[in-house]
Amino acid sequence: MKIESDKAVADIKLKVTLNAILARQIGEYVASMFSKDAIITPVDELLPDLFAEEKKENEEAKRKADLELYKAKMMDYADRHNSRRKKGEVK
């Protein structure tokens, strides 16, 4: 009997939590129709534990993209510097 009531309480808590999140999202979307300053909270911020793995993967992908961009910028800088050096503009 206790197990069934614990499950029912957990189920009610889950439904209340999800309804509260849904109400917040609806409020944010309605606010965004009237104000450009309204911020819509991403779902992964509303339920961080649920999306922890995806967030970690996205951060890793962003880090790799940032590193590739940095490498490309450094190669471009080196090419421009070496080109100017060959022309005698840099000593």
N, C-alpha and C. Protein backbone atom coordinates (compact mmCIF):
# COMPACT_ATOMS: atom_id res chain seq x y z
N MET A 1 0.82 -1.19 0.00
CA MET A 1 0.00 0.00 0.00
C MET A 1 0.87 1.26 0.00
N LYS A 2 1.92 1.26 0.83
CA LYS A 2 2.80 2.42 0.95
C LYS A 2 3.51 2.69 -0.37
N ILE A 3 3.92 1.62 -1.04
CA ILE A 3 4.63 1.77 -2.31
C ILE A 3 3.74 2.46 -3.34
N GLU A 4 2.48 2.06 -3.39
CA GLU A 4 1.55 2.66 -4.33
C GLU A 4 1.33 4.14 -4.02
N SER A 5 1.25 4.49 -2.75
CA SER A 5 1.04 5.89 -2.39
C SER A 5 2.30 6.71 -2.67
N ASP A 6 3.49 6.13 -2.45
CA ASP A 6 4.74 6.83 -2.78
C ASP A 6 4.83 7.09 -4.28
N LYS A 7 4.42 6.10 -5.06
CA LYS A 7 4.44 6.27 -6.51
C LYS A 7 3.44 7.34 -6.94
N ALA A 8 2.29 7.36 -6.32
CA ALA A 8 1.28 8.36 -6.66
C ALA A 8 1.77 9.77 -6.30
N VAL A 9 2.40 9.90 -5.15
CA VAL A 9 2.94 11.21 -4.73
C VAL A 9 4.04 11.66 -5.70
N ALA A 10 4.92 10.73 -6.06
CA ALA A 10 6.00 11.07 -7.00
C ALA A 10 5.41 11.47 -8.35
N ASP A 11 4.37 10.78 -8.78
CA ASP A 11 3.72 11.10 -10.05
C ASP A 11 3.08 12.49 -10.00
N ILE A 12 2.45 12.81 -8.90
CA ILE A 12 1.83 14.14 -8.74
C ILE A 12 2.90 15.23 -8.73
N LYS A 13 4.00 14.98 -8.03
CA LYS A 13 5.10 15.96 -7.99
C LYS A 13 5.66 16.20 -9.39
N LEU A 14 5.80 15.12 -10.15
CA LEU A 14 6.31 15.24 -11.52
C LEU A 14 5.36 16.08 -12.37
N LYS A 15 4.07 15.79 -12.27
CA LYS A 15 3.09 16.54 -13.06
C LYS A 15 3.07 18.01 -12.66
N VAL A 16 3.15 18.30 -11.37
CA VAL A 16 3.16 19.69 -10.90
C VAL A 16 4.39 20.42 -11.42
N THR A 17 5.54 19.76 -11.36
CA THR A 17 6.79 20.36 -11.84
C THR A 17 6.71 20.64 -13.34
N LEU A 18 6.26 19.67 -14.11
CA LEU A 18 6.16 19.87 -15.56
C LEU A 18 5.14 20.95 -15.91
N ASN A 19 4.04 21.00 -15.19
CA ASN A 19 3.04 22.05 -15.44
C ASN A 19 3.60 23.43 -15.10
N ALA A 20 4.38 23.52 -14.03
CA ALA A 20 4.99 24.80 -13.67
C ALA A 20 5.97 25.26 -14.74
N ILE A 21 6.75 24.32 -15.25
CA ILE A 21 7.70 24.65 -16.32
C ILE A 21 6.95 25.09 -17.58
N LEU A 22 5.90 24.37 -17.92
CA LEU A 22 5.10 24.72 -19.09
C LEU A 22 4.49 26.11 -18.93
N ALA A 23 3.96 26.41 -17.73
CA ALA A 23 3.38 27.74 -17.48
C ALA A 23 4.43 28.83 -17.64
N ARG A 24 5.64 28.56 -17.16
CA ARG A 24 6.72 29.55 -17.29
C ARG A 24 7.06 29.77 -18.76
N GLN A 25 7.15 28.68 -19.51
CA GLN A 25 7.46 28.81 -20.93
C GLN A 25 6.37 29.59 -21.67
N ILE A 26 5.12 29.29 -21.39
CA ILE A 26 4.02 30.00 -22.04
C ILE A 26 4.11 31.49 -21.70
N GLY A 27 4.37 31.80 -20.44
CA GLY A 27 4.51 33.19 -20.02
C GLY A 27 5.63 33.90 -20.75
N GLU A 28 6.76 33.22 -20.90
CA GLU A 28 7.90 33.82 -21.60
C GLU A 28 7.58 34.06 -23.08
N TYR A 29 6.90 33.11 -23.71
CA TYR A 29 6.55 33.28 -25.13
C TYR A 29 5.53 34.40 -25.31
N VAL A 30 4.56 34.50 -24.41
CA VAL A 30 3.58 35.58 -24.49
C VAL A 30 4.29 36.92 -24.27
N ALA A 31 5.18 36.99 -23.30
CA ALA A 31 5.93 38.22 -23.03
C ALA A 31 6.76 38.62 -24.25
N SER A 32 7.30 37.63 -24.97
CA SER A 32 8.13 37.94 -26.14
C SER A 32 7.31 38.55 -27.27
N MET A 33 6.00 38.33 -27.27
CA MET A 33 5.16 38.94 -28.30
C MET A 33 4.96 40.43 -28.04
N PHE A 34 5.10 40.86 -26.79
CA PHE A 34 4.86 42.25 -26.43
C PHE A 34 6.13 43.04 -26.15
N SER A 35 7.23 42.34 -25.93
CA SER A 35 8.47 43.03 -25.61
C SER A 35 9.65 42.33 -26.28
N LYS A 36 10.49 43.13 -26.91
CA LYS A 36 11.68 42.56 -27.54
C LYS A 36 12.73 42.19 -26.50
N ASP A 37 12.58 42.72 -25.29
CA ASP A 37 13.53 42.45 -24.22
C ASP A 37 13.24 41.16 -23.47
N ALA A 38 12.11 40.53 -23.76
CA ALA A 38 11.74 39.29 -23.07
C ALA A 38 12.72 38.18 -23.45
N ILE A 39 13.10 37.42 -22.46
CA ILE A 39 14.05 36.33 -22.67
C ILE A 39 13.33 35.00 -22.53
N ILE A 40 13.53 34.13 -23.50
CA ILE A 40 12.94 32.79 -23.46
C ILE A 40 14.01 31.83 -22.96
N THR A 41 13.74 31.22 -21.83
CA THR A 41 14.69 30.30 -21.22
C THR A 41 14.73 28.99 -21.99
N PRO A 42 15.91 28.56 -22.42
CA PRO A 42 16.00 27.27 -23.13
C PRO A 42 15.59 26.11 -22.22
N VAL A 43 15.06 25.08 -22.81
CA VAL A 43 14.58 23.92 -22.05
C VAL A 43 15.71 23.27 -21.26
N ASP A 44 16.91 23.26 -21.84
CA ASP A 44 18.02 22.62 -21.12
C ASP A 44 18.40 23.38 -19.85
N GLU A 45 18.04 24.64 -19.74
CA GLU A 45 18.26 25.38 -18.50
C GLU A 45 17.13 25.14 -17.50
N LEU A 46 15.95 24.84 -18.01
CA LEU A 46 14.82 24.55 -17.13
C LEU A 46 14.95 23.17 -16.50
N LEU A 47 15.49 22.23 -17.24
CA LEU A 47 15.68 20.86 -16.76
C LEU A 47 17.15 20.45 -16.97
N PRO A 48 18.07 21.05 -16.21
CA PRO A 48 19.49 20.82 -16.47
C PRO A 48 19.94 19.37 -16.27
N ASP A 49 19.37 18.67 -15.31
CA ASP A 49 19.78 17.28 -15.08
C ASP A 49 19.40 16.39 -16.25
N LEU A 50 18.29 16.66 -16.86
CA LEU A 50 17.80 15.85 -17.97
C LEU A 50 18.67 16.01 -19.22
N PHE A 51 19.21 17.22 -19.40
CA PHE A 51 19.99 17.52 -20.61
C PHE A 51 21.48 17.68 -20.33
N ALA A 52 21.97 17.14 -19.22
CA ALA A 52 23.38 17.31 -18.84
C ALA A 52 24.33 16.74 -19.88
N GLU A 53 24.02 15.57 -20.41
CA GLU A 53 24.91 14.94 -21.38
C GLU A 53 24.96 15.74 -22.68
N GLU A 54 23.80 16.19 -23.16
CA GLU A 54 23.75 16.97 -24.39
C GLU A 54 24.50 18.30 -24.22
N LYS A 55 24.35 18.91 -23.05
CA LYS A 55 25.04 20.18 -22.79
C LYS A 55 26.55 19.98 -22.82
N LYS A 56 27.01 18.88 -22.22
CA LYS A 56 28.44 18.58 -22.21
C LYS A 56 28.95 18.37 -23.63
N GLU A 57 28.18 17.64 -24.46
CA GLU A 57 28.57 17.40 -25.85
C GLU A 57 28.60 18.71 -26.63
N ASN A 58 27.62 19.58 -26.41
CA ASN A 58 27.58 20.87 -27.11
C ASN A 58 28.76 21.75 -26.72
N GLU A 59 29.11 21.74 -25.44
CA GLU A 59 30.26 22.53 -24.98
C GLU A 59 31.55 22.02 -25.60
N GLU A 60 31.69 20.69 -25.69
CA GLU A 60 32.89 20.10 -26.30
C GLU A 60 32.96 20.46 -27.78
N ALA A 61 31.84 20.40 -28.48
CA ALA A 61 31.81 20.76 -29.90
C ALA A 61 32.16 22.23 -30.09
N LYS A 62 31.65 23.09 -29.20
CA LYS A 62 31.96 24.52 -29.29
C LYS A 62 33.45 24.77 -29.04
N ARG A 63 34.02 24.05 -28.07
CA ARG A 63 35.45 24.20 -27.80
C ARG A 63 36.28 23.80 -29.01
N LYS A 64 35.89 22.71 -29.67
CA LYS A 64 36.62 22.26 -30.86
C LYS A 64 36.49 23.28 -31.99
N ALA A 65 35.28 23.82 -32.17
CA ALA A 65 35.07 24.82 -33.22
C ALA A 65 35.89 26.08 -32.93
N ASP A 66 35.92 26.50 -31.67
CA ASP A 66 36.70 27.67 -31.28
C ASP A 66 38.19 27.44 -31.53
N LEU A 67 38.66 26.23 -31.23
CA LEU A 67 40.07 25.91 -31.46
C LEU A 67 40.40 25.94 -32.95
N GLU A 68 39.51 25.38 -33.77
CA GLU A 68 39.73 25.39 -35.22
C GLU A 68 39.75 26.83 -35.76
N LEU A 69 38.85 27.67 -35.25
CA LEU A 69 38.82 29.07 -35.67
C LEU A 69 40.12 29.77 -35.26
N TYR A 70 40.58 29.52 -34.04
CA TYR A 70 41.83 30.11 -33.56
C TYR A 70 42.99 29.67 -34.45
N LYS A 71 43.04 28.37 -34.77
CA LYS A 71 44.12 27.87 -35.64
C LYS A 71 44.09 28.55 -37.00
N ALA A 72 42.90 28.69 -37.57
CA ALA A 72 42.77 29.32 -38.89
C ALA A 72 43.22 30.77 -38.83
N LYS A 73 42.85 31.49 -37.78
CA LYS A 73 43.27 32.89 -37.63
C LYS A 73 44.78 32.99 -37.49
N MET A 74 45.38 32.08 -36.72
CA MET A 74 46.84 32.11 -36.54
C MET A 74 47.56 31.79 -37.85
N MET A 75 47.02 30.84 -38.62
CA MET A 75 47.63 30.52 -39.91
C MET A 75 47.53 31.71 -40.86
N ASP A 76 46.39 32.38 -40.85
CA ASP A 76 46.21 33.56 -41.69
C ASP A 76 47.19 34.66 -41.28
N TYR A 77 47.32 34.86 -39.97
CA TYR A 77 48.27 35.87 -39.48
C TYR A 77 49.70 35.51 -39.90
N ALA A 78 50.07 34.24 -39.74
CA ALA A 78 51.42 33.81 -40.10
C ALA A 78 51.67 34.00 -41.59
N ASP A 79 50.69 33.66 -42.41
CA ASP A 79 50.82 33.84 -43.86
C ASP A 79 51.01 35.31 -44.22
N ARG A 80 50.19 36.18 -43.62
CA ARG A 80 50.31 37.62 -43.91
C ARG A 80 51.66 38.15 -43.43
N HIS A 81 52.08 37.73 -42.25
CA HIS A 81 53.36 38.18 -41.70
C HIS A 81 54.52 37.72 -42.60
N ASN A 82 54.49 36.44 -42.99
CA ASN A 82 55.57 35.93 -43.84
C ASN A 82 55.57 36.59 -45.21
N SER A 83 54.40 36.89 -45.73
CA SER A 83 54.30 37.57 -47.02
C SER A 83 54.90 38.97 -46.92
N ARG A 84 54.57 39.69 -45.85
CA ARG A 84 55.14 41.03 -45.67
C ARG A 84 56.65 40.96 -45.44
N ARG A 85 57.09 39.90 -44.76
CA ARG A 85 58.52 39.75 -44.49
C ARG A 85 59.28 39.51 -45.79
N LYS A 86 58.68 38.72 -46.70
CA LYS A 86 59.33 38.45 -47.98
C LYS A 86 59.42 39.72 -48.83
N LYS A 87 58.45 40.61 -48.69
CA LYS A 87 58.45 41.86 -49.43
C LYS A 87 59.37 42.89 -48.81
N GLY A 88 59.90 42.59 -47.63
CA GLY A 88 60.81 43.50 -46.95
C GLY A 88 60.12 44.52 -46.08
N GLU A 89 58.83 44.37 -45.83
CA GLU A 89 58.12 45.32 -44.99
C GLU A 89 58.38 45.09 -43.51
N VAL A 90 58.73 43.88 -43.14
CA VAL A 90 58.99 43.54 -41.73
C VAL A 90 60.43 43.14 -41.61
N LYS A 91 61.09 43.67 -40.59
CA LYS A 91 62.51 43.33 -40.40
C LYS A 91 62.68 42.27 -39.36
